[in-house]
C-alpha atoms as a PDB file:
ATOM      1  CA  MET A   1      37.310 -18.814   6.817  1.00  0.00           C
ATOM      2  CA  LYS A   2      37.235 -21.263   9.710  1.00  0.00           C
ATOM      3  CA  GLY A   3      34.099 -23.320   9.444  1.00  0.00           C
ATOM      4  CA  TYR A   4      31.844 -20.574   8.107  1.00  0.00           C
ATOM      5  CA  VAL A   5      31.069 -22.011   4.715  1.00  0.00           C
ATOM      6  CA  ARG A   6      27.287 -21.715   4.920  1.00  0.00           C
ATOM      7  CA  VAL A   7      25.473 -18.662   3.633  1.00  0.00           C
ATOM      8  CA  LEU A   8      23.694 -16.434   6.129  1.00  0.00           C
ATOM      9  CA  ALA A   9      20.537 -15.603   4.217  1.00  0.00           C
ATOM     10  CA  ILE A  10      19.366 -12.525   6.102  1.00  0.00           C
ATOM     11  CA  GLY A  11      16.844 -10.697   3.978  1.00  0.00           C
ATOM     12  CA  LEU A  12      17.153 -12.637   0.746  1.00  0.00           C
ATOM     13  CA  LEU A  13      14.039 -11.170  -0.772  1.00  0.00           C
ATOM     14  CA  LEU A  14      11.645 -12.348  -3.422  1.00  0.00           C
ATOM     15  CA  PRO A  15      10.756 -10.541  -6.599  1.00  0.00           C
ATOM     16  CA  PHE A  16       7.546  -8.573  -6.757  1.00  0.00           C
ATOM     17  CA  MET A  17       5.041 -11.362  -7.335  1.00  0.00           C
ATOM     18  CA  VAL A  18       6.818 -14.637  -6.777  1.00  0.00           C
ATOM     19  CA  LEU A  19       4.289 -16.857  -5.047  1.00  0.00           C
ATOM     20  CA  GLY A  20       2.560 -13.755  -3.741  1.00  0.00           C
ATOM     21  CA  CYS A  21      -0.854 -15.203  -4.510  1.00  0.00           C
ATOM     22  CA  ALA A  22      -0.245 -18.627  -2.980  1.00  0.00           C
ATOM     23  CA  THR A  23      -2.966 -18.813  -0.352  1.00  0.00           C
ATOM     24  CA  ALA A  24      -4.864 -22.045   0.136  1.00  0.00           C
ATOM     25  CA  LYS A  25      -8.513 -22.132  -0.895  1.00  0.00           C
ATOM     26  CA  GLY A  26     -10.821 -23.883   1.500  1.00  0.00           C
ATOM     27  CA  ALA A  27     -10.236 -26.949   3.628  1.00  0.00           C
ATOM     28  CA  GLY A  28      -9.527 -30.552   2.726  1.00  0.00           C
ATOM     29  CA  GLU A  29      -7.274 -31.998   0.057  1.00  0.00           C
ATOM     30  CA  PRO A  30      -6.777 -29.626  -2.885  1.00  0.00           C
ATOM     31  CA  GLU A  31      -8.058 -30.602  -6.303  1.00  0.00           C
ATOM     32  CA  LEU A  32      -7.048 -29.241  -9.667  1.00  0.00           C
ATOM     33  CA  ALA A  33     -10.646 -28.048  -9.990  1.00  0.00           C
ATOM     34  CA  GLN A  34      -9.730 -25.144  -7.712  1.00  0.00           C
ATOM     35  CA  TRP A  35      -7.889 -23.754 -10.753  1.00  0.00           C
ATOM     36  CA  ASN A  36     -10.903 -24.175 -13.095  1.00  0.00           C
ATOM     37  CA  GLY A  37     -10.870 -21.677 -15.926  1.00  0.00           C
ATOM     38  CA  THR A  38      -9.106 -20.645 -19.114  1.00  0.00           C
ATOM     39  CA  TYR A  39      -5.700 -19.023 -18.873  1.00  0.00           C
ATOM     40  CA  ASN A  40      -3.065 -17.703 -21.261  1.00  0.00           C
ATOM     41  CA  SER A  41       0.655 -18.088 -20.737  1.00  0.00           C
ATOM     42  CA  LEU A  42       2.088 -14.658 -19.925  1.00  0.00           C
ATOM     43  CA  ALA A  43       5.003 -15.513 -22.216  1.00  0.00           C
ATOM     44  CA  SER A  44       2.610 -15.579 -25.157  1.00  0.00           C
ATOM     45  CA  TYR A  45       2.152 -11.805 -24.915  1.00  0.00           C
ATOM     46  CA  LEU A  46       5.825 -10.870 -25.189  1.00  0.00           C
ATOM     47  CA  ASP A  47       5.814 -10.421 -28.964  1.00  0.00           C
ATOM     48  CA  GLU A  48       2.459  -8.668 -29.214  1.00  0.00           C
ATOM     49  CA  PRO A  49       2.916  -5.359 -31.109  1.00  0.00           C
ATOM     50  CA  SER A  50       0.727  -3.572 -28.559  1.00  0.00           C
ATOM     51  CA  PHE A  51       3.300  -4.310 -25.840  1.00  0.00           C
ATOM     52  CA  ALA A  52       6.421  -3.566 -27.898  1.00  0.00           C
ATOM     53  CA  GLY A  53       6.987  -0.254 -26.138  1.00  0.00           C
ATOM     54  CA  ILE A  54       7.755  -2.053 -22.882  1.00  0.00           C
ATOM     55  CA  PHE A  55      10.823  -3.698 -24.390  1.00  0.00           C
ATOM     56  CA  ALA A  56      12.138  -0.939 -26.682  1.00  0.00           C
ATOM     57  CA  ASP A  57      15.944  -1.182 -27.105  1.00  0.00           C
ATOM     58  CA  LYS A  58      16.194  -3.871 -24.429  1.00  0.00           C
ATOM     59  CA  ASP A  59      16.329  -7.030 -26.487  1.00  0.00           C
ATOM     60  CA  ALA A  60      18.663  -8.959 -24.173  1.00  0.00           C
ATOM     61  CA  ALA A  61      16.528  -8.324 -21.107  1.00  0.00           C
ATOM     62  CA  LYS A  62      13.406  -9.242 -23.079  1.00  0.00           C
ATOM     63  CA  ALA A  63      15.018 -12.505 -24.142  1.00  0.00           C
ATOM     64  CA  ASP A  64      15.894 -13.298 -20.524  1.00  0.00           C
ATOM     65  CA  LEU A  65      12.334 -12.554 -19.447  1.00  0.00           C
ATOM     66  CA  GLY A  66      11.083 -14.806 -22.231  1.00  0.00           C
ATOM     67  CA  GLU A  67      13.223 -17.641 -20.909  1.00  0.00           C
ATOM     68  CA  TYR A  68      12.054 -16.996 -17.342  1.00  0.00           C
ATOM     69  CA  LEU A  69       8.365 -17.206 -18.354  1.00  0.00           C
ATOM     70  CA  ALA A  70       8.745 -19.808 -21.123  1.00  0.00           C
ATOM     71  CA  THR A  71       6.129 -22.484 -21.792  1.00  0.00           C
ATOM     72  CA  ASP A  72       5.690 -24.810 -24.754  1.00  0.00           C
ATOM     73  CA  PHE A  73       1.982 -23.946 -25.042  1.00  0.00           C
ATOM     74  CA  ALA A  74       0.084 -20.678 -25.376  1.00  0.00           C
ATOM     75  CA  SER A  75      -2.975 -21.323 -23.209  1.00  0.00           C
ATOM     76  CA  MET A  76      -4.660 -23.856 -20.964  1.00  0.00           C
ATOM     77  CA  LYS A  77      -8.119 -24.823 -19.813  1.00  0.00           C
ATOM     78  CA  ILE A  78      -8.672 -26.525 -16.472  1.00  0.00           C
ATOM     79  CA  GLU A  79     -11.858 -28.504 -15.918  1.00  0.00           C
ATOM     80  CA  GLY A  80     -12.007 -30.750 -12.874  1.00  0.00           C
ATOM     81  CA  ASP A  81      -8.881 -32.908 -12.830  1.00  0.00           C
ATOM     82  CA  THR A  82      -8.186 -32.281 -16.521  1.00  0.00           C
ATOM     83  CA  LEU A  83      -5.675 -29.796 -17.903  1.00  0.00           C
ATOM     84  CA  THR A  84      -5.916 -29.126 -21.631  1.00  0.00           C
ATOM     85  CA  LEU A  85      -3.004 -27.321 -23.294  1.00  0.00           C
ATOM     86  CA  TYR A  86      -3.391 -25.316 -26.512  1.00  0.00           C
ATOM     87  CA  THR A  87      -1.020 -23.975 -29.130  1.00  0.00           C
ATOM     88  CA  GLU A  88      -2.878 -20.649 -29.368  1.00  0.00           C
ATOM     89  CA  ARG A  89      -4.219 -18.226 -26.818  1.00  0.00           C
ATOM     90  CA  ASP A  90      -7.776 -18.397 -25.449  1.00  0.00           C
ATOM     91  CA  ALA A  91      -7.964 -22.202 -25.612  1.00  0.00           C
ATOM     92  CA  LYS A  92      -7.606 -22.394 -29.399  1.00  0.00           C
ATOM     93  CA  GLY A  93      -5.438 -24.464 -31.706  1.00  0.00           C
ATOM     94  CA  ALA A  94      -4.133 -28.003 -31.309  1.00  0.00           C
ATOM     95  CA  ALA A  95      -4.772 -29.462 -27.873  1.00  0.00           C
ATOM     96  CA  ALA A  96      -3.219 -31.979 -25.474  1.00  0.00           C
ATOM     97  CA  THR A  97      -5.292 -33.269 -22.545  1.00  0.00           C
ATOM     98  CA  ILE A  98      -3.724 -34.459 -19.304  1.00  0.00           C
ATOM     99  CA  HIS A  99      -5.336 -35.775 -16.091  1.00  0.00           C
ATOM    100  CA  TYR A 100      -3.664 -34.775 -12.833  1.00  0.00           C
ATOM    101  CA  THR A 101      -3.990 -36.026  -9.262  1.00  0.00           C
ATOM    102  CA  PHE A 102      -3.007 -33.988  -6.228  1.00  0.00           C
ATOM    103  CA  LYS A 103       0.074 -35.390  -4.460  1.00  0.00           C
ATOM    104  CA  ARG A 104       1.263 -32.965  -1.802  1.00  0.00           C
ATOM    105  CA  ILE A 105       1.980 -29.394  -0.725  1.00  0.00           C
ATOM    106  CA  ILE A 106       5.523 -28.034  -0.997  1.00  0.00           C
ATOM    107  CA  GLU A 107       6.792 -25.121   1.085  1.00  0.00           C
ATOM    108  CA  PRO A 108      10.372 -24.454  -0.030  1.00  0.00           C
ATOM    109  CA  GLY A 109      10.726 -21.368   2.153  1.00  0.00           C
ATOM    110  CA  ARG A 110       9.370 -18.809  -0.276  1.00  0.00           C
ATOM    111  CA  GLY A 111       5.690 -19.575  -0.713  1.00  0.00           C
ATOM    112  CA  VAL A 112       3.413 -22.562  -1.151  1.00  0.00           C
ATOM    113  CA  TRP A 113       3.230 -24.851  -4.176  1.00  0.00           C
ATOM    114  CA  TYR A 114       0.530 -27.462  -4.841  1.00  0.00           C
ATOM    115  CA  ALA A 115       1.949 -30.559  -6.542  1.00  0.00           C
ATOM    116  CA  PHE A 116       0.026 -32.693  -9.042  1.00  0.00           C
ATOM    117  CA  GLU A 117       1.079 -35.779 -10.983  1.00  0.00           C
ATOM    118  CA  SER A 118      -0.160 -37.380 -14.189  1.00  0.00           C
ATOM    119  CA  ASP A 119       0.460 -40.877 -15.530  1.00  0.00           C
ATOM    120  CA  ARG A 120       2.614 -39.520 -18.360  1.00  0.00           C
ATOM    121  CA  SER A 121       6.359 -40.153 -18.509  1.00  0.00           C
ATOM    122  CA  ASP A 122       7.342 -36.956 -20.350  1.00  0.00           C
ATOM    123  CA  HIS A 123       7.857 -33.374 -19.164  1.00  0.00           C
ATOM    124  CA  TYR A 124       4.160 -33.063 -18.289  1.00  0.00           C
ATOM    125  CA  ARG A 125       4.358 -35.748 -15.616  1.00  0.00           C
ATOM    126  CA  CYS A 126       4.806 -33.325 -12.690  1.00  0.00           C
ATOM    127  CA  LEU A 127       2.995 -30.019 -12.239  1.00  0.00           C
ATOM    128  CA  ILE A 128       3.261 -27.536  -9.383  1.00  0.00           C
ATOM    129  CA  ALA A 129       1.171 -24.389  -9.081  1.00  0.00           C
ATOM    130  CA  THR A 130       0.326 -21.538  -6.755  1.00  0.00           C
ATOM    131  CA  VAL A 131      -3.308 -20.672  -6.102  1.00  0.00           C
ATOM    132  CA  PRO A 132      -4.804 -18.078  -8.498  1.00  0.00           C
ATOM    133  CA  GLY A 133      -4.943 -14.565  -7.091  1.00  0.00           C
ATOM    134  CA  GLN A 134      -4.328 -10.878  -7.720  1.00  0.00           C
ATOM    135  CA  ASP A 135      -1.325  -8.888  -6.528  1.00  0.00           C
ATOM    136  CA  ASP A 136      -3.507  -5.771  -6.247  1.00  0.00           C
ATOM    137  CA  PRO A 137      -7.293  -5.218  -6.260  1.00  0.00           C
ATOM    138  CA  GLY A 138      -8.364  -5.070  -9.890  1.00  0.00           C
ATOM    139  CA  GLY A 139      -5.096  -6.589 -11.070  1.00  0.00           C
ATOM    140  CA  ALA A 140      -4.684  -9.562 -13.377  1.00  0.00           C
ATOM    141  CA  LEU A 141      -5.925 -12.867 -11.936  1.00  0.00           C
ATOM    142  CA  HIS A 142      -2.973 -15.205 -12.357  1.00  0.00           C
ATOM    143  CA  PHE A 143      -0.990 -18.060 -10.904  1.00  0.00           C
ATOM    144  CA  HIS A 144       2.557 -19.340 -11.216  1.00  0.00           C
ATOM    145  CA  PHE A 145       3.409 -22.900 -12.215  1.00  0.00           C
ATOM    146  CA  ARG A 146       6.206 -25.192 -13.278  1.00  0.00           C
ATOM    147  CA  TYR A 147       6.136 -28.571 -14.959  1.00  0.00           C
ATOM    148  CA  GLY A 148       8.608 -31.285 -15.833  1.00  0.00           C
ATOM    149  CA  ALA A 149       9.551 -34.949 -15.606  1.00  0.00           C
ATOM    150  CA  ARG A 150      11.747 -34.350 -12.565  1.00  0.00           C
ATOM    151  CA  ASP A 151      10.749 -34.484  -8.913  1.00  0.00           C
ATOM    152  CA  PHE A 152       8.542 -31.871  -7.283  1.00  0.00           C
ATOM    153  CA  ASP A 153      11.178 -30.464  -4.936  1.00  0.00           C
ATOM    154  CA  ALA A 154      13.479 -29.734  -7.870  1.00  0.00           C
ATOM    155  CA  LEU A 155      10.647 -27.911  -9.611  1.00  0.00           C
ATOM    156  CA  ALA A 156       9.928 -25.856  -6.483  1.00  0.00           C
ATOM    157  CA  THR A 157      13.460 -24.444  -6.542  1.00  0.00           C
ATOM    158  CA  ALA A 158      13.825 -24.105 -10.322  1.00  0.00           C
ATOM    159  CA  ALA A 159      15.004 -20.834 -11.852  1.00  0.00           C
ATOM    160  CA  LYS A 160      11.990 -20.199 -14.082  1.00  0.00           C
ATOM    161  CA  LEU A 161       8.533 -18.892 -13.249  1.00  0.00           C
ATOM    162  CA  PRO A 162       5.926 -19.548 -15.964  1.00  0.00           C
ATOM    163  CA  THR A 163       2.812 -17.543 -15.208  1.00  0.00           C
ATOM    164  CA  ALA A 164      -0.789 -17.987 -16.365  1.00  0.00           C
ATOM    165  CA  VAL A 165      -3.204 -15.050 -16.596  1.00  0.00           C
ATOM    166  CA  GLN A 166      -6.958 -15.367 -16.933  1.00  0.00           C
ATOM    167  CA  ALA A 167      -7.789 -15.445 -20.645  1.00  0.00           C
ATOM    168  CA  ASP A 168     -10.189 -12.498 -20.553  1.00  0.00           C
ATOM    169  CA  THR A 169      -7.732 -10.210 -18.752  1.00  0.00           C
ATOM    170  CA  PRO A 170      -7.834  -6.695 -20.283  1.00  0.00           C
ATOM    171  CA  ASP A 171      -4.724  -5.607 -22.156  1.00  0.00           C
ATOM    172  CA  ASP A 172      -4.066  -2.862 -19.599  1.00  0.00           C
ATOM    173  CA  ASN A 173      -3.765  -5.452 -16.840  1.00  0.00           C
ATOM    174  CA  VAL A 174      -1.581  -7.725 -18.949  1.00  0.00           C
ATOM    175  CA  GLN A 175       0.667  -4.755 -19.662  1.00  0.00           C
ATOM    176  CA  GLU A 176       0.942  -3.987 -15.934  1.00  0.00           C
ATOM    177  CA  SER A 177       2.024  -7.557 -15.234  1.00  0.00           C
ATOM    178  CA  LEU A 178       4.572  -7.537 -18.052  1.00  0.00           C
ATOM    179  CA  GLU A 179       5.941  -4.167 -16.991  1.00  0.00           C
ATOM    180  CA  GLU A 180       6.274  -5.246 -13.388  1.00  0.00           C
ATOM    181  CA  PHE A 181       8.219  -8.357 -14.375  1.00  0.00           C
ATOM    182  CA  PHE A 182      10.293  -6.538 -16.975  1.00  0.00           C
ATOM    183  CA  ASP A 183      11.297  -3.565 -14.841  1.00  0.00           C
ATOM    184  CA  ARG A 184      13.283  -5.964 -12.742  1.00  0.00           C
ATOM    185  CA  PHE A 185      14.981  -7.541 -15.732  1.00  0.00           C
ATOM    186  CA  ALA A 186      15.855  -4.366 -17.553  1.00  0.00           C
ATOM    187  CA  SER A 187      17.787  -2.148 -15.141  1.00  0.00           C
ATOM    188  CA  LEU A 188      19.848  -1.656 -12.011  1.00  0.00           C
ATOM    189  CA  GLN A 189      17.634   1.328 -11.185  1.00  0.00           C
ATOM    190  CA  ARG A 190      15.552  -0.582  -8.640  1.00  0.00           C
ATOM    191  CA  TRP A 191      18.606  -0.318  -6.368  1.00  0.00           C
ATOM    192  CA  GLU A 192      18.947   3.468  -6.782  1.00  0.00           C
ATOM    193  CA  GLY A 193      20.333   5.188  -3.727  1.00  0.00           C
ATOM    194  CA  THR A 194      23.458   5.537  -1.588  1.00  0.00           C
ATOM    195  CA  TYR A 195      24.616   2.608   0.526  1.00  0.00           C
ATOM    196  CA  ASN A 196      27.487   1.832   2.874  1.00  0.00           C
ATOM    197  CA  SER A 197      29.238  -1.520   3.074  1.00  0.00           C
ATOM    198  CA  LEU A 198      28.231  -3.173   6.348  1.00  0.00           C
ATOM    199  CA  ALA A 199      31.858  -4.252   6.746  1.00  0.00           C
ATOM    200  CA  SER A 200      32.863  -0.602   7.082  1.00  0.00           C
ATOM    201  CA  TYR A 201      31.130  -0.391  10.470  1.00  0.00           C
ATOM    202  CA  LEU A 202      32.973  -3.275  12.134  1.00  0.00           C
ATOM    203  CA  ASP A 203      35.752  -1.108  13.617  1.00  0.00           C
ATOM    204  CA  GLU A 204      33.543   1.765  14.704  1.00  0.00           C
ATOM    205  CA  PRO A 205      34.092   2.427  18.443  1.00  0.00           C
ATOM    206  CA  SER A 206      30.329   2.769  18.981  1.00  0.00           C
ATOM    207  CA  PHE A 207      29.840  -0.893  17.986  1.00  0.00           C
ATOM    208  CA  ALA A 208      32.829  -2.314  19.879  1.00  0.00           C
ATOM    209  CA  GLY A 209      30.596  -3.805  22.570  1.00  0.00           C
ATOM    210  CA  ILE A 210      29.116  -6.256  20.079  1.00  0.00           C
ATOM    211  CA  PHE A 211      32.469  -7.960  19.579  1.00  0.00           C
ATOM    212  CA  ALA A 212      33.967  -7.708  23.071  1.00  0.00           C
ATOM    213  CA  GLY A 213      36.176 -10.713  23.800  1.00  0.00           C
ATOM    214  CA  LYS A 214      35.336 -12.374  20.487  1.00  0.00           C
ATOM    215  CA  ASP A 215      38.130 -11.278  18.183  1.00  0.00           C
ATOM    216  CA  GLU A 216      38.269 -14.463  16.129  1.00  0.00           C
ATOM    217  CA  ALA A 217      34.539 -14.435  15.413  1.00  0.00           C
ATOM    218  CA  LYS A 218      34.772 -10.767  14.476  1.00  0.00           C
ATOM    219  CA  ALA A 219      37.616 -11.521  12.061  1.00  0.00           C
ATOM    220  CA  ASN A 220      35.537 -14.267  10.466  1.00  0.00           C
ATOM    221  CA  LEU A 221      32.574 -11.930  10.134  1.00  0.00           C
ATOM    222  CA  ALA A 222      34.822  -9.308   8.522  1.00  0.00           C
ATOM    223  CA  GLU A 223      35.922 -11.894   5.947  1.00  0.00           C
ATOM    224  CA  TYR A 224      32.287 -12.842   5.346  1.00  0.00           C
ATOM    225  CA  LEU A 225      31.249  -9.215   4.692  1.00  0.00           C
ATOM    226  CA  VAL A 226      34.459  -7.929   3.091  1.00  0.00           C
ATOM    227  CA  THR A 227      34.430  -5.486   0.158  1.00  0.00           C
ATOM    228  CA  ASP A 228      37.252  -3.452  -1.415  1.00  0.00           C
ATOM    229  CA  PHE A 229      35.176  -0.267  -1.265  1.00  0.00           C
ATOM    230  CA  THR A 230      33.369   1.505   1.547  1.00  0.00           C
ATOM    231  CA  SER A 231      30.201   2.854  -0.049  1.00  0.00           C
ATOM    232  CA  MET A 232      28.297   2.929  -3.317  1.00  0.00           C
ATOM    233  CA  LYS A 233      25.829   5.086  -5.167  1.00  0.00           C
ATOM    234  CA  ILE A 234      23.498   3.624  -7.773  1.00  0.00           C
ATOM    235  CA  GLU A 235      22.075   5.965 -10.403  1.00  0.00           C
ATOM    236  CA  GLY A 236      20.193   4.370 -13.288  1.00  0.00           C
ATOM    237  CA  ASP A 237      22.441   1.664 -14.735  1.00  0.00           C
ATOM    238  CA  THR A 238      25.581   3.079 -13.101  1.00  0.00           C
ATOM    239  CA  LEU A 239      27.193   1.837  -9.897  1.00  0.00           C
ATOM    240  CA  ILE A 240      29.712   4.259  -8.358  1.00  0.00           C
ATOM    241  CA  LEU A 241      32.082   2.862  -5.733  1.00  0.00           C
ATOM    242  CA  TYR A 242      33.743   5.081  -3.095  1.00  0.00           C
ATOM    243  CA  THR A 243      36.630   4.716  -0.678  1.00  0.00           C
ATOM    244  CA  GLU A 244      34.771   6.408   2.189  1.00  0.00           C
ATOM    245  CA  ARG A 245      31.299   6.056   3.631  1.00  0.00           C
ATOM    246  CA  ASP A 246      28.328   8.129   2.418  1.00  0.00           C
ATOM    247  CA  ALA A 247      29.565   8.327  -1.206  1.00  0.00           C
ATOM    248  CA  LYS A 248      32.745  10.234  -0.377  1.00  0.00           C
ATOM    249  CA  GLY A 249      36.370   9.788  -1.374  1.00  0.00           C
ATOM    250  CA  ALA A 250      37.848   8.476  -4.605  1.00  0.00           C
ATOM    251  CA  ALA A 251      35.247   7.064  -6.958  1.00  0.00           C
ATOM    252  CA  THR A 252      34.976   4.342  -9.620  1.00  0.00           C
ATOM    253  CA  ALA A 253      31.933   4.336 -11.945  1.00  0.00           C
ATOM    254  CA  ILE A 254      30.759   1.122 -13.635  1.00  0.00           C
ATOM    255  CA  ASP A 255      27.810   0.607 -15.982  1.00  0.00           C
ATOM    256  CA  TYR A 256      25.938  -2.666 -15.522  1.00  0.00           C
ATOM    257  CA  ARG A 257      23.249  -4.422 -17.544  1.00  0.00           C
ATOM    258  CA  LEU A 258      20.906  -7.055 -16.145  1.00  0.00           C
ATOM    259  CA  THR A 259      21.552 -10.438 -17.714  1.00  0.00           C
ATOM    260  CA  ARG A 260      19.554 -13.004 -15.754  1.00  0.00           C
ATOM    261  CA  ILE A 261      17.899 -14.072 -12.507  1.00  0.00           C
ATOM    262  CA  ILE A 262      19.428 -16.844 -10.406  1.00  0.00           C
ATOM    263  CA  GLU A 263      17.512 -18.967  -7.885  1.00  0.00           C
ATOM    264  CA  PRO A 264      20.069 -21.221  -6.182  1.00  0.00           C
ATOM    265  CA  GLY A 265      17.524 -22.607  -3.711  1.00  0.00           C
ATOM    266  CA  ARG A 266      17.843 -20.072  -0.903  1.00  0.00           C
ATOM    267  CA  GLY A 267      16.635 -16.793  -2.352  1.00  0.00           C
ATOM    268  CA  ILE A 268      16.778 -14.902  -5.614  1.00  0.00           C
ATOM    269  CA  TRP A 269      19.774 -13.085  -7.070  1.00  0.00           C
ATOM    270  CA  TYR A 270      19.687 -10.546  -9.907  1.00  0.00           C
ATOM    271  CA  ALA A 271      22.771 -10.867 -12.109  1.00  0.00           C
ATOM    272  CA  PHE A 272      24.404  -7.861 -13.803  1.00  0.00           C
ATOM    273  CA  GLU A 273      27.400  -7.666 -16.095  1.00  0.00           C
ATOM    274  CA  SER A 274      29.725  -4.828 -17.047  1.00  0.00           C
ATOM    275  CA  ASP A 275      32.229  -4.480 -19.891  1.00  0.00           C
ATOM    276  CA  ARG A 276      35.165  -4.692 -17.495  1.00  0.00           C
ATOM    277  CA  SER A 277      37.492  -7.691 -17.378  1.00  0.00           C
ATOM    278  CA  ASP A 278      38.475  -7.425 -13.711  1.00  0.00           C
ATOM    279  CA  HIS A 279      36.702  -8.487 -10.518  1.00  0.00           C
ATOM    280  CA  TYR A 280      33.952  -5.928 -11.142  1.00  0.00           C
ATOM    281  CA  ARG A 281      32.788  -7.695 -14.317  1.00  0.00           C
ATOM    282  CA  CYS A 282      29.996  -9.687 -12.637  1.00  0.00           C
ATOM    283  CA  LEU A 283      27.648  -8.436  -9.940  1.00  0.00           C
ATOM    284  CA  ILE A 284      24.758 -10.231  -8.270  1.00  0.00           C
ATOM    285  CA  ALA A 285      22.379  -8.638  -5.778  1.00  0.00           C
ATOM    286  CA  THR A 286      19.216  -9.295  -3.815  1.00  0.00           C
ATOM    287  CA  VAL A 287      16.403  -6.752  -3.824  1.00  0.00           C
ATOM    288  CA  PRO A 288      16.699  -4.049  -1.131  1.00  0.00           C
ATOM    289  CA  GLY A 289      14.421  -4.625   1.838  1.00  0.00           C
ATOM    290  CA  GLN A 290      14.058  -4.740   5.607  1.00  0.00           C
ATOM    291  CA  ASP A 291      14.101  -7.853   7.766  1.00  0.00           C
ATOM    292  CA  ASP A 292      11.642  -6.193  10.157  1.00  0.00           C
ATOM    293  CA  PRO A 293       9.420  -3.087   9.910  1.00  0.00           C
ATOM    294  CA  GLY A 294      11.610  -0.106  10.761  1.00  0.00           C
ATOM    295  CA  GLY A 295      14.795  -2.137  10.312  1.00  0.00           C
ATOM    296  CA  ALA A 296      17.797  -1.213   8.195  1.00  0.00           C
ATOM    297  CA  LEU A 297      17.099  -1.059   4.454  1.00  0.00           C
ATOM    298  CA  HIS A 298      19.780  -3.277   2.947  1.00  0.00           C
ATOM    299  CA  PHE A 299      20.643  -5.783   0.267  1.00  0.00           C
ATOM    300  CA  HIS A 300      23.216  -8.519  -0.197  1.00  0.00           C
ATOM    301  CA  PHE A 301      25.588  -8.676  -3.152  1.00  0.00           C
ATOM    302  CA  ARG A 302      28.643 -10.405  -4.525  1.00  0.00           C
ATOM    303  CA  TYR A 303      31.009  -9.437  -7.321  1.00  0.00           C
ATOM    304  CA  GLY A 304      33.865 -11.009  -9.213  1.00  0.00           C
ATOM    305  CA  ALA A 305      35.329 -11.979 -12.554  1.00  0.00           C
ATOM    306  CA  ARG A 306      33.950 -15.509 -12.307  1.00  0.00           C
ATOM    307  CA  ASP A 307      30.611 -16.820 -13.552  1.00  0.00           C
ATOM    308  CA  PHE A 308      27.307 -15.895 -11.925  1.00  0.00           C
ATOM    309  CA  ASP A 309      26.421 -19.377 -10.683  1.00  0.00           C
ATOM    310  CA  ALA A 310      29.704 -19.566  -8.787  1.00  0.00           C
ATOM    311  CA  LEU A 311      28.965 -16.196  -7.196  1.00  0.00           C
ATOM    312  CA  ALA A 312      25.462 -17.321  -6.202  1.00  0.00           C
ATOM    313  CA  THR A 313      26.896 -20.188  -4.155  1.00  0.00           C
ATOM    314  CA  ALA A 314      29.965 -18.399  -2.770  1.00  0.00           C
ATOM    315  CA  ALA A 315      30.705 -18.483   0.966  1.00  0.00           C
ATOM    316  CA  ASN A 316      30.778 -14.743   1.648  1.00  0.00           C
ATOM    317  CA  LEU A 317      27.887 -12.289   1.807  1.00  0.00           C
ATOM    318  CA  PRO A 318      28.803  -8.604   1.409  1.00  0.00           C
ATOM    319  CA  THR A 319      25.902  -6.430   2.522  1.00  0.00           C
ATOM    320  CA  ALA A 320      25.002  -2.818   1.747  1.00  0.00           C
ATOM    321  CA  VAL A 321      22.926  -0.684   4.122  1.00  0.00           C
ATOM    322  CA  GLN A 322      21.256   2.593   3.222  1.00  0.00           C
ATOM    323  CA  ALA A 323      23.712   5.386   3.947  1.00  0.00           C
ATOM    324  CA  ASP A 324      21.403   7.357   6.254  1.00  0.00           C
ATOM    325  CA  THR A 325      20.571   4.323   8.424  1.00  0.00           C
ATOM    326  CA  PRO A 326      20.535   5.278  12.150  1.00  0.00           C
ATOM    327  CA  ASP A 327      23.271   3.707  14.265  1.00  0.00           C
ATOM    328  CA  ASP A 328      20.683   1.728  16.258  1.00  0.00           C
ATOM    329  CA  ASN A 329      19.538  -0.021  13.080  1.00  0.00           C
ATOM    330  CA  VAL A 330      23.100  -0.650  11.928  1.00  0.00           C
ATOM    331  CA  GLN A 331      23.821  -2.196  15.321  1.00  0.00           C
ATOM    332  CA  GLU A 332      20.775  -4.479  15.026  1.00  0.00           C
ATOM    333  CA  ILE A 333      21.877  -5.905  11.705  1.00  0.00           C
ATOM    334  CA  LEU A 334      25.496  -6.283  12.874  1.00  0.00           C
ATOM    335  CA  GLU A 335      24.278  -8.137  15.962  1.00  0.00           C
ATOM    336  CA  GLU A 336      22.063 -10.389  13.849  1.00  0.00           C
ATOM    337  CA  PHE A 337      24.990 -11.368  11.669  1.00  0.00           C
ATOM    338  CA  PHE A 338      27.424 -11.661  14.544  1.00  0.00           C
ATOM    339  CA  ASP A 339      25.197 -13.818  16.739  1.00  0.00           C
ATOM    340  CA  ARG A 340      25.550 -16.582  14.149  1.00  0.00           C
ATOM    341  CA  PHE A 341      29.325 -16.327  14.142  1.00  0.00           C
ATOM    342  CA  ALA A 342      29.881 -15.962  17.873  1.00  0.00           C
ATOM    343  CA  SER A 343      27.762 -19.021  18.692  1.00  0.00           C
ATOM    344  CA  GLU A 344      29.859 -21.365  16.565  1.00  0.00           C
END
């Protein structure tokens, strides 16, 4: 591919609650006191018997979720500029007290983080957090945070998302939060539907005007979007690939299981693995969405026999659009991709 090594991140979407509650409170320099209260780590609820039904027969996905939410404490209390960490929920057990000072605001392109620093030299030196909020009225009051000895910008693009929920949150609300996280770890079913490969539209006569006089750029775009199938249907954990658009033609069915979430710094990929040993073994995908209201419902994906991290930083970006997408919407997304190639 001639010079088109960068990734065109159209529509790389966020998971359901990532930074969704990050709205600044009030004016002036933030203080840790804005987070005052007692909170439990959401990870501390994963092994509660009352929530066992959420994870039934899905041990691997539960383990991945545990790693994604992991903290080395069970609860915290914030009072003024002091954060106290506890080994048990509800601010009980052995405690460690740390004083934090606000340093700056970080906006990595997917929300707002508030960065605080202590005078410690260990993994509690740096802390970043979103502002407490609710995803829905009556939902669990919570915030997301990360901590470590490394720099703030590295934390802002890290692959984990520890989450704190208000300590007196009812079990029903905790369960909703866990279920919402876990649904995205446990199954391919969020992608259910029939989709066409965007590459399959490149030679349609009705779209020829987009590429007029720009054959080389069109060829580069084709390489960027290329797939070895024309459409797909996703049903539960099964991905069925077809040789013709709209789920027609010869078919190949593959069962995938979610293994992890990857955040390479420019969006979030969900990683799935099959039992195959060929180039369909690994699959990564963004969540289906629209770039604009009324736009084409689509998602980006990559597949191969190589490891997930290599796929997440690959130079191509196959894209699937909902099979019943009107031609006008398909043209819009083709033009949006192509504008970036034709201008080079």
